[in-house]
């Protein structure tokens, strides 16, 4: 919850306080450890989540055309337009 909301220190304090008051929640010591960890590693965690949510491939090129069927098993399908789309993907950063 802390990482997905990218909580600032005020939000973190309110969240952890609420967690310590819940029945079966965390202890004050656990809340203090979590707060210290979040303060020290927030930027790294946020960057990691952003990198995981980005696609590894990027769209390099796209082209399309419309063809007409010249042959078909069924006469009704002759001259039916068919769209053909070609997409070229590449690695991010290359």
C-alpha atoms as a PDB file:
ATOM      1  CA  UNK A   1       0.000   0.000   0.000  1.00  0.00           C
ATOM      2  CA  UNK A   2       2.830   2.378   0.874  1.00  0.00           C
ATOM      3  CA  UNK A   3       4.690   1.799  -2.390  1.00  0.00           C
ATOM      4  CA  UNK A   4       1.668   1.791  -4.700  1.00  0.00           C
ATOM      5  CA  UNK A   5       0.445   5.101  -3.239  1.00  0.00           C
ATOM      6  CA  UNK A   6       4.010   6.531  -3.214  1.00  0.00           C
ATOM      7  CA  UNK A   7       3.227   8.018   0.190  1.00  0.00           C
ATOM      8  CA  UNK A   8       4.986  11.120   1.425  1.00  0.00           C
ATOM      9  CA  UNK A   9       6.159  11.246   5.047  1.00  0.00           C
ATOM     10  CA  UNK A  10       2.883  12.709   6.388  1.00  0.00           C
ATOM     11  CA  UNK A  11       0.787  10.077   4.606  1.00  0.00           C
ATOM     12  CA  UNK A  12       3.171   7.373   5.789  1.00  0.00           C
ATOM     13  CA  UNK A  13       2.892   8.474   9.404  1.00  0.00           C
ATOM     14  CA  UNK A  14      -0.918   8.531   9.256  1.00  0.00           C
ATOM     15  CA  UNK A  15      -1.017   5.131   7.541  1.00  0.00           C
ATOM     16  CA  UNK A  16       1.342   3.490  10.024  1.00  0.00           C
ATOM     17  CA  UNK A  17      -0.498   5.016  12.977  1.00  0.00           C
ATOM     18  CA  UNK A  18      -3.744   3.543  11.673  1.00  0.00           C
ATOM     19  CA  UNK A  19      -2.051   0.157  11.215  1.00  0.00           C
ATOM     20  CA  UNK A  20      -0.822   0.136  14.823  1.00  0.00           C
ATOM     21  CA  UNK A  21      -4.355   0.842  16.094  1.00  0.00           C
ATOM     22  CA  UNK A  22      -5.969  -1.964  14.086  1.00  0.00           C
ATOM     23  CA  UNK A  23      -6.640  -5.221  15.875  1.00  0.00           C
ATOM     24  CA  UNK A  24      -3.966  -7.643  14.710  1.00  0.00           C
ATOM     25  CA  UNK A  25      -2.021  -4.755  13.158  1.00  0.00           C
ATOM     26  CA  UNK A  26       1.643  -3.941  13.496  1.00  0.00           C
ATOM     27  CA  UNK A  27       3.513  -2.860  16.597  1.00  0.00           C
ATOM     28  CA  UNK A  28       4.970   0.613  17.134  1.00  0.00           C
ATOM     29  CA  UNK A  29       8.458  -0.849  16.699  1.00  0.00           C
ATOM     30  CA  UNK A  30       7.506  -2.400  13.355  1.00  0.00           C
ATOM     31  CA  UNK A  31       5.994   0.920  12.275  1.00  0.00           C
ATOM     32  CA  UNK A  32       9.231   2.713  13.154  1.00  0.00           C
ATOM     33  CA  UNK A  33      11.290   0.214  11.133  1.00  0.00           C
ATOM     34  CA  UNK A  34       8.950   0.531   8.140  1.00  0.00           C
ATOM     35  CA  UNK A  35       9.082   4.337   8.320  1.00  0.00           C
ATOM     36  CA  UNK A  36      12.891   4.341   8.433  1.00  0.00           C
ATOM     37  CA  UNK A  37      13.103   1.867   5.547  1.00  0.00           C
ATOM     38  CA  UNK A  38      10.658   3.899   3.436  1.00  0.00           C
ATOM     39  CA  UNK A  39      12.525   7.155   4.110  1.00  0.00           C
ATOM     40  CA  UNK A  40      15.827   5.585   3.013  1.00  0.00           C
ATOM     41  CA  UNK A  41      14.583   3.604  -0.003  1.00  0.00           C
ATOM     42  CA  UNK A  42      11.539   5.469  -1.338  1.00  0.00           C
ATOM     43  CA  UNK A  43      13.268   6.736  -4.496  1.00  0.00           C
ATOM     44  CA  UNK A  44      14.701   3.301  -5.356  1.00  0.00           C
ATOM     45  CA  UNK A  45      11.362   1.563  -4.812  1.00  0.00           C
ATOM     46  CA  UNK A  46       9.506   4.169  -6.891  1.00  0.00           C
ATOM     47  CA  UNK A  47      12.019   3.851  -9.747  1.00  0.00           C
ATOM     48  CA  UNK A  48      11.787   0.063  -9.636  1.00  0.00           C
ATOM     49  CA  UNK A  49       7.979   0.144  -9.836  1.00  0.00           C
ATOM     50  CA  UNK A  50       8.114   2.559 -12.783  1.00  0.00           C
ATOM     51  CA  UNK A  51      10.617   0.347 -14.623  1.00  0.00           C
ATOM     52  CA  UNK A  52       8.479  -2.745 -14.047  1.00  0.00           C
ATOM     53  CA  UNK A  53       5.398  -1.029 -15.418  1.00  0.00           C
ATOM     54  CA  UNK A  54       7.056   0.090 -18.673  1.00  0.00           C
ATOM     55  CA  UNK A  55       7.124  -2.169 -21.701  1.00  0.00           C
ATOM     56  CA  UNK A  56      10.499  -3.471 -22.727  1.00  0.00           C
ATOM     57  CA  UNK A  57       9.710  -3.038 -26.416  1.00  0.00           C
ATOM     58  CA  UNK A  58       8.849   0.148 -28.252  1.00  0.00           C
ATOM     59  CA  UNK A  59       6.991   0.689 -31.509  1.00  0.00           C
ATOM     60  CA  UNK A  60       9.519   1.497 -34.248  1.00  0.00           C
ATOM     61  CA  UNK A  61       7.316   1.547 -37.330  1.00  0.00           C
ATOM     62  CA  UNK A  62       3.747   0.858 -38.380  1.00  0.00           C
ATOM     63  CA  UNK A  63       2.338   0.473 -41.867  1.00  0.00           C
ATOM     64  CA  UNK A  64      -0.951  -0.738 -43.213  1.00  0.00           C
ATOM     65  CA  UNK A  65      -2.719  -1.418 -46.447  1.00  0.00           C
ATOM     66  CA  UNK A  66      -6.087  -2.638 -47.682  1.00  0.00           C
ATOM     67  CA  UNK A  67      -6.169  -5.635 -50.015  1.00  0.00           C
ATOM     68  CA  UNK A  68      -9.091  -7.150 -51.878  1.00  0.00           C
ATOM     69  CA  UNK A  69      -9.641 -10.890 -51.938  1.00  0.00           C
ATOM     70  CA  UNK A  70      -9.272 -12.167 -55.510  1.00  0.00           C
ATOM     71  CA  UNK A  71     -10.066 -15.788 -54.656  1.00  0.00           C
ATOM     72  CA  UNK A  72     -12.275 -17.294 -52.049  1.00  0.00           C
ATOM     73  CA  UNK A  73     -14.110 -20.482 -51.276  1.00  0.00           C
ATOM     74  CA  UNK A  74     -17.364 -18.544 -51.233  1.00  0.00           C
ATOM     75  CA  UNK A  75     -18.260 -16.162 -54.066  1.00  0.00           C
ATOM     76  CA  UNK A  76     -19.662 -13.605 -51.581  1.00  0.00           C
ATOM     77  CA  UNK A  77     -16.186 -13.064 -50.123  1.00  0.00           C
ATOM     78  CA  UNK A  78     -14.532 -12.077 -53.411  1.00  0.00           C
ATOM     79  CA  UNK A  79     -13.541  -8.378 -53.504  1.00  0.00           C
ATOM     80  CA  UNK A  80     -14.031  -8.121 -49.757  1.00  0.00           C
ATOM     81  CA  UNK A  81     -11.514  -5.612 -48.347  1.00  0.00           C
ATOM     82  CA  UNK A  82      -8.966  -6.954 -45.874  1.00  0.00           C
ATOM     83  CA  UNK A  83      -6.760  -4.658 -43.783  1.00  0.00           C
ATOM     84  CA  UNK A  84      -3.170  -5.745 -43.232  1.00  0.00           C
ATOM     85  CA  UNK A  85      -1.218  -4.043 -40.462  1.00  0.00           C
ATOM     86  CA  UNK A  86       2.538  -4.449 -40.015  1.00  0.00           C
ATOM     87  CA  UNK A  87       4.193  -3.321 -36.776  1.00  0.00           C
ATOM     88  CA  UNK A  88       7.916  -3.306 -36.088  1.00  0.00           C
ATOM     89  CA  UNK A  89       8.962  -3.517 -32.442  1.00  0.00           C
ATOM     90  CA  UNK A  90      12.397  -2.757 -31.039  1.00  0.00           C
ATOM     91  CA  UNK A  91      14.144  -2.880 -27.694  1.00  0.00           C
ATOM     92  CA  UNK A  92      13.948   0.252 -25.558  1.00  0.00           C
ATOM     93  CA  UNK A  93      17.182   2.194 -25.770  1.00  0.00           C
ATOM     94  CA  UNK A  94      18.397   0.633 -29.025  1.00  0.00           C
END
